[in-house]
Amino acid sequence: MPVYHIVLFKLKPGVTEDQLSTWTKDAKALVGQIPGLSKLEINKPLPSTAHRGQGYDMALVSILEKADDVKVYAQHPAHLE
């Protein structure tokens, strides 16, 4: 059964769209590098629901193949970078 690892981010003031684009590209490149990581998505809240976001600016959803893969993902050098 897949495991959904969800992380919410509050960005520091001054983070640029170029920085977010680079981060998103680099994060998505982890798929195929980290065993068990089958998909990774990053995005901002929808404008229609952002008012309920409690100040979070971005969300990351990693889909892993099984629960044991979460530890592998968390400790993998590519993820730590």
C-alpha atoms as a PDB file:
ATOM      1  CA  MET A   1       0.000   0.000   0.000  1.00  0.00           C
ATOM      2  CA  PRO A   2       1.461   3.429  -0.878  1.00  0.00           C
ATOM      3  CA  VAL A   3       2.458   5.892   1.829  1.00  0.00           C
ATOM      4  CA  TYR A   4       1.808   9.617   1.387  1.00  0.00           C
ATOM      5  CA  HIS A   5       4.426  11.771   3.100  1.00  0.00           C
ATOM      6  CA  ILE A   6       3.122  15.368   3.278  1.00  0.00           C
ATOM      7  CA  VAL A   7       5.194  18.388   4.271  1.00  0.00           C
ATOM      8  CA  LEU A   8       3.907  21.960   4.542  1.00  0.00           C
ATOM      9  CA  PHE A   9       6.246  24.949   4.218  1.00  0.00           C
ATOM     10  CA  LYS A  10       6.178  28.548   5.377  1.00  0.00           C
ATOM     11  CA  LEU A  11       8.635  30.335   3.117  1.00  0.00           C
ATOM     12  CA  LYS A  12      11.031  32.991   4.347  1.00  0.00           C
ATOM     13  CA  PRO A  13      10.384  36.522   3.080  1.00  0.00           C
ATOM     14  CA  GLY A  14      12.223  37.235  -0.152  1.00  0.00           C
ATOM     15  CA  VAL A  15      12.143  33.739  -1.645  1.00  0.00           C
ATOM     16  CA  THR A  16      11.979  34.242  -5.415  1.00  0.00           C
ATOM     17  CA  GLU A  17      10.039  32.371  -8.080  1.00  0.00           C
ATOM     18  CA  ASP A  18      13.388  31.293  -9.577  1.00  0.00           C
ATOM     19  CA  GLN A  19      14.424  29.747  -6.248  1.00  0.00           C
ATOM     20  CA  LEU A  20      11.077  27.937  -5.988  1.00  0.00           C
ATOM     21  CA  SER A  21      11.392  26.695  -9.557  1.00  0.00           C
ATOM     22  CA  THR A  22      14.898  25.343  -8.911  1.00  0.00           C
ATOM     23  CA  TRP A  23      13.800  23.691  -5.655  1.00  0.00           C
ATOM     24  CA  THR A  24      10.790  22.100  -7.355  1.00  0.00           C
ATOM     25  CA  LYS A  25      12.910  20.770 -10.241  1.00  0.00           C
ATOM     26  CA  ASP A  26      15.563  19.393  -7.879  1.00  0.00           C
ATOM     27  CA  ALA A  27      12.980  17.784  -5.587  1.00  0.00           C
ATOM     28  CA  LYS A  28      11.137  16.095  -8.455  1.00  0.00           C
ATOM     29  CA  ALA A  29      14.485  14.750  -9.707  1.00  0.00           C
ATOM     30  CA  LEU A  30      14.668  12.627  -6.537  1.00  0.00           C
ATOM     31  CA  VAL A  31      12.174  10.228  -8.140  1.00  0.00           C
ATOM     32  CA  GLY A  32      14.338   7.502  -9.631  1.00  0.00           C
ATOM     33  CA  GLN A  33      17.262   8.308  -7.321  1.00  0.00           C
ATOM     34  CA  ILE A  34      15.692   7.216  -4.041  1.00  0.00           C
ATOM     35  CA  PRO A  35      14.479   3.610  -3.825  1.00  0.00           C
ATOM     36  CA  GLY A  36      10.756   3.388  -3.095  1.00  0.00           C
ATOM     37  CA  LEU A  37       9.955   7.006  -4.044  1.00  0.00           C
ATOM     38  CA  SER A  38       7.446   6.662  -6.841  1.00  0.00           C
ATOM     39  CA  LYS A  39       6.155  10.239  -7.174  1.00  0.00           C
ATOM     40  CA  LEU A  40       6.743  13.698  -5.737  1.00  0.00           C
ATOM     41  CA  GLU A  41       4.606  16.795  -6.229  1.00  0.00           C
ATOM     42  CA  ILE A  42       5.094  20.369  -4.991  1.00  0.00           C
ATOM     43  CA  ASN A  43       2.726  23.285  -5.336  1.00  0.00           C
ATOM     44  CA  LYS A  44       1.224  26.398  -3.782  1.00  0.00           C
ATOM     45  CA  PRO A  45      -2.299  26.446  -2.339  1.00  0.00           C
ATOM     46  CA  LEU A  46      -5.126  27.124  -4.744  1.00  0.00           C
ATOM     47  CA  PRO A  47      -6.175  30.780  -4.632  1.00  0.00           C
ATOM     48  CA  SER A  48      -9.710  29.695  -3.749  1.00  0.00           C
ATOM     49  CA  THR A  49      -8.532  27.851  -0.619  1.00  0.00           C
ATOM     50  CA  ALA A  50      -5.363  29.772   0.350  1.00  0.00           C
ATOM     51  CA  HIS A  51      -7.253  31.646   3.094  1.00  0.00           C
ATOM     52  CA  ARG A  52      -7.540  28.325   4.957  1.00  0.00           C
ATOM     53  CA  GLY A  53      -3.833  27.538   4.563  1.00  0.00           C
ATOM     54  CA  GLN A  54      -2.895  28.835   8.038  1.00  0.00           C
ATOM     55  CA  GLY A  55       0.080  30.695   6.600  1.00  0.00           C
ATOM     56  CA  TYR A  56       1.603  27.767   4.711  1.00  0.00           C
ATOM     57  CA  ASP A  57       2.928  28.745   1.295  1.00  0.00           C
ATOM     58  CA  MET A  58       3.832  25.404  -0.264  1.00  0.00           C
ATOM     59  CA  ALA A  59       3.106  21.709   0.102  1.00  0.00           C
ATOM     60  CA  LEU A  60       5.156  18.691  -0.890  1.00  0.00           C
ATOM     61  CA  VAL A  61       3.611  15.252  -1.295  1.00  0.00           C
ATOM     62  CA  SER A  62       5.932  12.269  -1.660  1.00  0.00           C
ATOM     63  CA  ILE A  63       4.379   8.949  -2.589  1.00  0.00           C
ATOM     64  CA  LEU A  64       6.393   5.976  -1.396  1.00  0.00           C
ATOM     65  CA  GLU A  65       5.745   2.333  -2.193  1.00  0.00           C
ATOM     66  CA  LYS A  66       5.600   1.087   1.412  1.00  0.00           C
ATOM     67  CA  ALA A  67       6.073   2.274   5.002  1.00  0.00           C
ATOM     68  CA  ASP A  68       9.676   1.018   5.211  1.00  0.00           C
ATOM     69  CA  ASP A  69      10.596   3.327   2.325  1.00  0.00           C
ATOM     70  CA  VAL A  70       9.987   6.435   4.476  1.00  0.00           C
ATOM     71  CA  LYS A  71      13.160   5.762   6.481  1.00  0.00           C
ATOM     72  CA  VAL A  72      15.165   5.136   3.298  1.00  0.00           C
ATOM     73  CA  TYR A  73      13.825   8.402   1.837  1.00  0.00           C
ATOM     74  CA  ALA A  74      14.546  10.406   5.003  1.00  0.00           C
ATOM     75  CA  GLN A  75      18.146   9.177   5.253  1.00  0.00           C
ATOM     76  CA  HIS A  76      19.071   9.142   1.560  1.00  0.00           C
ATOM     77  CA  PRO A  77      21.976  11.495   0.714  1.00  0.00           C
ATOM     78  CA  ALA A  78      20.065  13.001  -2.241  1.00  0.00           C
ATOM     79  CA  HIS A  79      17.162  13.903   0.063  1.00  0.00           C
ATOM     80  CA  LEU A  80      19.454  15.332   2.743  1.00  0.00           C
ATOM     81  CA  GLU A  81      21.125  17.556   0.155  1.00  0.00           C
END
